[in-house]
Amino acid sequence: MTGYKELFRYLEAKYLDMHIEIGDNGKYIITRFGKITFQREDVGTLALKNVIYVPEMKKNLVYVSILEDRGYDVIFSKGKVFLQHIAMGQVKKIGILMKNIYKL
């Protein structure tokens, strides 16, 4: 989920009739979804499909369960986050711990 429209390579409007509630007790309406590709600071690009656009959100959220559904193990170890592709065994560092939250 993201509130940053400029991250999307394409954005499809769809009536989803869905609402989400996140940790800050914010309640948001989901109106669109699409594909985003972005460059991370010290590693290559990351492409995510079916990303939900939530205009009011101020931070990006990636659900670990979605990554697991896509065939990855998500490993949190010593202040770093790694993705390991289950079938191929490839491991990539995708983030670090900053101020008690993992930044991807």
C-alpha atoms as a PDB file:
ATOM      1  CA  MET A   1       0.000   0.000   0.000  1.00  0.00           C
ATOM      2  CA  THR A   2       1.169   3.476  -0.748  1.00  0.00           C
ATOM      3  CA  GLY A   3      -0.179   6.992  -0.922  1.00  0.00           C
ATOM      4  CA  TYR A   4       2.442   8.075  -3.469  1.00  0.00           C
ATOM      5  CA  LYS A   5       0.800   8.051  -6.883  1.00  0.00           C
ATOM      6  CA  GLU A   6       4.069   8.895  -8.649  1.00  0.00           C
ATOM      7  CA  LEU A   7       5.516   5.456  -7.768  1.00  0.00           C
ATOM      8  CA  PHE A   8       3.078   3.639 -10.062  1.00  0.00           C
ATOM      9  CA  ARG A   9       4.072   2.459 -13.513  1.00  0.00           C
ATOM     10  CA  TYR A  10       0.386   1.939 -14.155  1.00  0.00           C
ATOM     11  CA  LEU A  11      -2.627   2.589 -11.985  1.00  0.00           C
ATOM     12  CA  GLU A  12      -6.000   0.997 -12.585  1.00  0.00           C
ATOM     13  CA  ALA A  13      -9.156   2.549 -11.187  1.00  0.00           C
ATOM     14  CA  LYS A  14     -11.475  -0.066  -9.822  1.00  0.00           C
ATOM     15  CA  TYR A  15     -14.440  -0.012  -7.508  1.00  0.00           C
ATOM     16  CA  LEU A  16     -13.196  -2.272  -4.729  1.00  0.00           C
ATOM     17  CA  ASP A  17     -15.595  -1.231  -1.942  1.00  0.00           C
ATOM     18  CA  MET A  18     -12.856  -1.927   0.584  1.00  0.00           C
ATOM     19  CA  HIS A  19     -11.613  -0.112   3.653  1.00  0.00           C
ATOM     20  CA  ILE A  20      -8.475  -0.780   5.653  1.00  0.00           C
ATOM     21  CA  GLU A  21      -7.485   0.092   9.182  1.00  0.00           C
ATOM     22  CA  ILE A  22      -3.809   0.268  10.146  1.00  0.00           C
ATOM     23  CA  GLY A  23      -1.778   0.586  13.333  1.00  0.00           C
ATOM     24  CA  ASP A  24      -2.308   4.326  13.774  1.00  0.00           C
ATOM     25  CA  ASN A  25      -6.084   3.680  13.879  1.00  0.00           C
ATOM     26  CA  GLY A  26      -6.348   5.353  10.489  1.00  0.00           C
ATOM     27  CA  LYS A  27      -9.193   4.119   8.300  1.00  0.00           C
ATOM     28  CA  TYR A  28      -8.692   4.423   4.565  1.00  0.00           C
ATOM     29  CA  ILE A  29     -10.708   3.735   1.417  1.00  0.00           C
ATOM     30  CA  ILE A  30      -9.021   1.643  -1.269  1.00  0.00           C
ATOM     31  CA  THR A  31      -9.832   2.933  -4.750  1.00  0.00           C
ATOM     32  CA  ARG A  32      -7.067   1.808  -7.134  1.00  0.00           C
ATOM     33  CA  PHE A  33      -4.257  -0.659  -7.590  1.00  0.00           C
ATOM     34  CA  GLY A  34      -1.312  -1.069  -9.929  1.00  0.00           C
ATOM     35  CA  LYS A  35       2.356  -1.925 -10.331  1.00  0.00           C
ATOM     36  CA  ILE A  36       5.219   0.052  -8.846  1.00  0.00           C
ATOM     37  CA  THR A  37       8.938  -0.146  -9.483  1.00  0.00           C
ATOM     38  CA  PHE A  38      11.392   1.795  -7.392  1.00  0.00           C
ATOM     39  CA  GLN A  39      15.116   2.087  -6.826  1.00  0.00           C
ATOM     40  CA  ARG A  40      16.276   1.339  -3.297  1.00  0.00           C
ATOM     41  CA  GLU A  41      19.248   3.132  -1.757  1.00  0.00           C
ATOM     42  CA  ASP A  42      21.961   0.468  -1.771  1.00  0.00           C
ATOM     43  CA  VAL A  43      20.492  -2.366  -3.868  1.00  0.00           C
ATOM     44  CA  GLY A  44      18.685  -2.848  -7.155  1.00  0.00           C
ATOM     45  CA  THR A  45      15.115  -2.051  -8.087  1.00  0.00           C
ATOM     46  CA  LEU A  46      12.089  -3.688  -6.560  1.00  0.00           C
ATOM     47  CA  ALA A  47       8.917  -4.312  -8.571  1.00  0.00           C
ATOM     48  CA  LEU A  48       5.628  -5.042  -6.830  1.00  0.00           C
ATOM     49  CA  LYS A  49       2.333  -5.959  -8.525  1.00  0.00           C
ATOM     50  CA  ASN A  50      -1.180  -5.365  -7.231  1.00  0.00           C
ATOM     51  CA  VAL A  51      -0.091  -2.500  -5.005  1.00  0.00           C
ATOM     52  CA  ILE A  52      -3.014  -0.691  -3.443  1.00  0.00           C
ATOM     53  CA  TYR A  53      -3.198   3.075  -3.846  1.00  0.00           C
ATOM     54  CA  VAL A  54      -4.524   4.772  -0.710  1.00  0.00           C
ATOM     55  CA  PRO A  55      -4.320   8.547  -1.277  1.00  0.00           C
ATOM     56  CA  GLU A  56      -4.321   9.546   2.406  1.00  0.00           C
ATOM     57  CA  MET A  57      -1.456   7.247   3.484  1.00  0.00           C
ATOM     58  CA  LYS A  58       1.808   8.932   4.464  1.00  0.00           C
ATOM     59  CA  LYS A  59       4.010   5.791   4.578  1.00  0.00           C
ATOM     60  CA  ASN A  60       4.383   2.770   2.320  1.00  0.00           C
ATOM     61  CA  LEU A  61       3.454  -0.635   3.726  1.00  0.00           C
ATOM     62  CA  VAL A  62       4.500  -4.046   2.429  1.00  0.00           C
ATOM     63  CA  TYR A  63       2.804  -7.042   3.979  1.00  0.00           C
ATOM     64  CA  VAL A  64       5.188  -9.886   4.759  1.00  0.00           C
ATOM     65  CA  SER A  65       2.405 -12.389   4.027  1.00  0.00           C
ATOM     66  CA  ILE A  66       2.151 -11.101   0.445  1.00  0.00           C
ATOM     67  CA  LEU A  67       5.878 -11.662  -0.112  1.00  0.00           C
ATOM     68  CA  GLU A  68       5.540 -15.162   1.330  1.00  0.00           C
ATOM     69  CA  ASP A  69       2.578 -15.849  -0.974  1.00  0.00           C
ATOM     70  CA  ARG A  70       4.807 -14.840  -3.900  1.00  0.00           C
ATOM     71  CA  GLY A  71       7.391 -17.523  -3.055  1.00  0.00           C
ATOM     72  CA  TYR A  72       9.774 -15.706  -0.724  1.00  0.00           C
ATOM     73  CA  ASP A  73      10.973 -16.275   2.798  1.00  0.00           C
ATOM     74  CA  VAL A  74      11.385 -12.975   4.647  1.00  0.00           C
ATOM     75  CA  ILE A  75      14.288 -13.015   7.080  1.00  0.00           C
ATOM     76  CA  PHE A  76      14.828 -10.416   9.806  1.00  0.00           C
ATOM     77  CA  SER A  77      18.321 -10.784  11.246  1.00  0.00           C
ATOM     78  CA  LYS A  78      20.676  -8.446  13.124  1.00  0.00           C
ATOM     79  CA  GLY A  79      18.964  -5.258  11.965  1.00  0.00           C
ATOM     80  CA  LYS A  80      18.680  -6.311   8.314  1.00  0.00           C
ATOM     81  CA  VAL A  81      15.882  -7.706   6.149  1.00  0.00           C
ATOM     82  CA  PHE A  82      16.487 -10.326   3.480  1.00  0.00           C
ATOM     83  CA  LEU A  83      14.288 -11.955   0.849  1.00  0.00           C
ATOM     84  CA  GLN A  84      15.079 -15.521  -0.080  1.00  0.00           C
ATOM     85  CA  HIS A  85      13.388 -16.998  -3.125  1.00  0.00           C
ATOM     86  CA  ILE A  86      12.188 -20.399  -1.941  1.00  0.00           C
ATOM     87  CA  ALA A  87      12.546 -22.247  -5.273  1.00  0.00           C
ATOM     88  CA  MET A  88      15.822 -20.694  -6.451  1.00  0.00           C
ATOM     89  CA  GLY A  89      17.483 -20.048  -3.098  1.00  0.00           C
ATOM     90  CA  GLN A  90      18.587 -16.544  -4.094  1.00  0.00           C
ATOM     91  CA  VAL A  91      18.972 -14.163  -1.160  1.00  0.00           C
ATOM     92  CA  LYS A  92      18.776 -10.374  -1.428  1.00  0.00           C
ATOM     93  CA  LYS A  93      19.150  -7.763   1.278  1.00  0.00           C
ATOM     94  CA  ILE A  94      16.154  -5.463   0.989  1.00  0.00           C
ATOM     95  CA  GLY A  95      16.190  -3.308   4.095  1.00  0.00           C
ATOM     96  CA  ILE A  96      17.581  -2.236   7.459  1.00  0.00           C
ATOM     97  CA  LEU A  97      16.287  -1.419  10.920  1.00  0.00           C
ATOM     98  CA  MET A  98      15.913   2.324  11.526  1.00  0.00           C
ATOM     99  CA  LYS A  99      14.300   3.790  14.652  1.00  0.00           C
ATOM    100  CA  ASN A 100      12.496   0.556  15.563  1.00  0.00           C
ATOM    101  CA  ILE A 101      10.997   0.027  12.080  1.00  0.00           C
ATOM    102  CA  TYR A 102      12.387  -1.818   9.101  1.00  0.00           C
ATOM    103  CA  LYS A 103      12.973   0.397   6.085  1.00  0.00           C
ATOM    104  CA  LEU A 104      12.914  -1.382   2.729  1.00  0.00           C
END
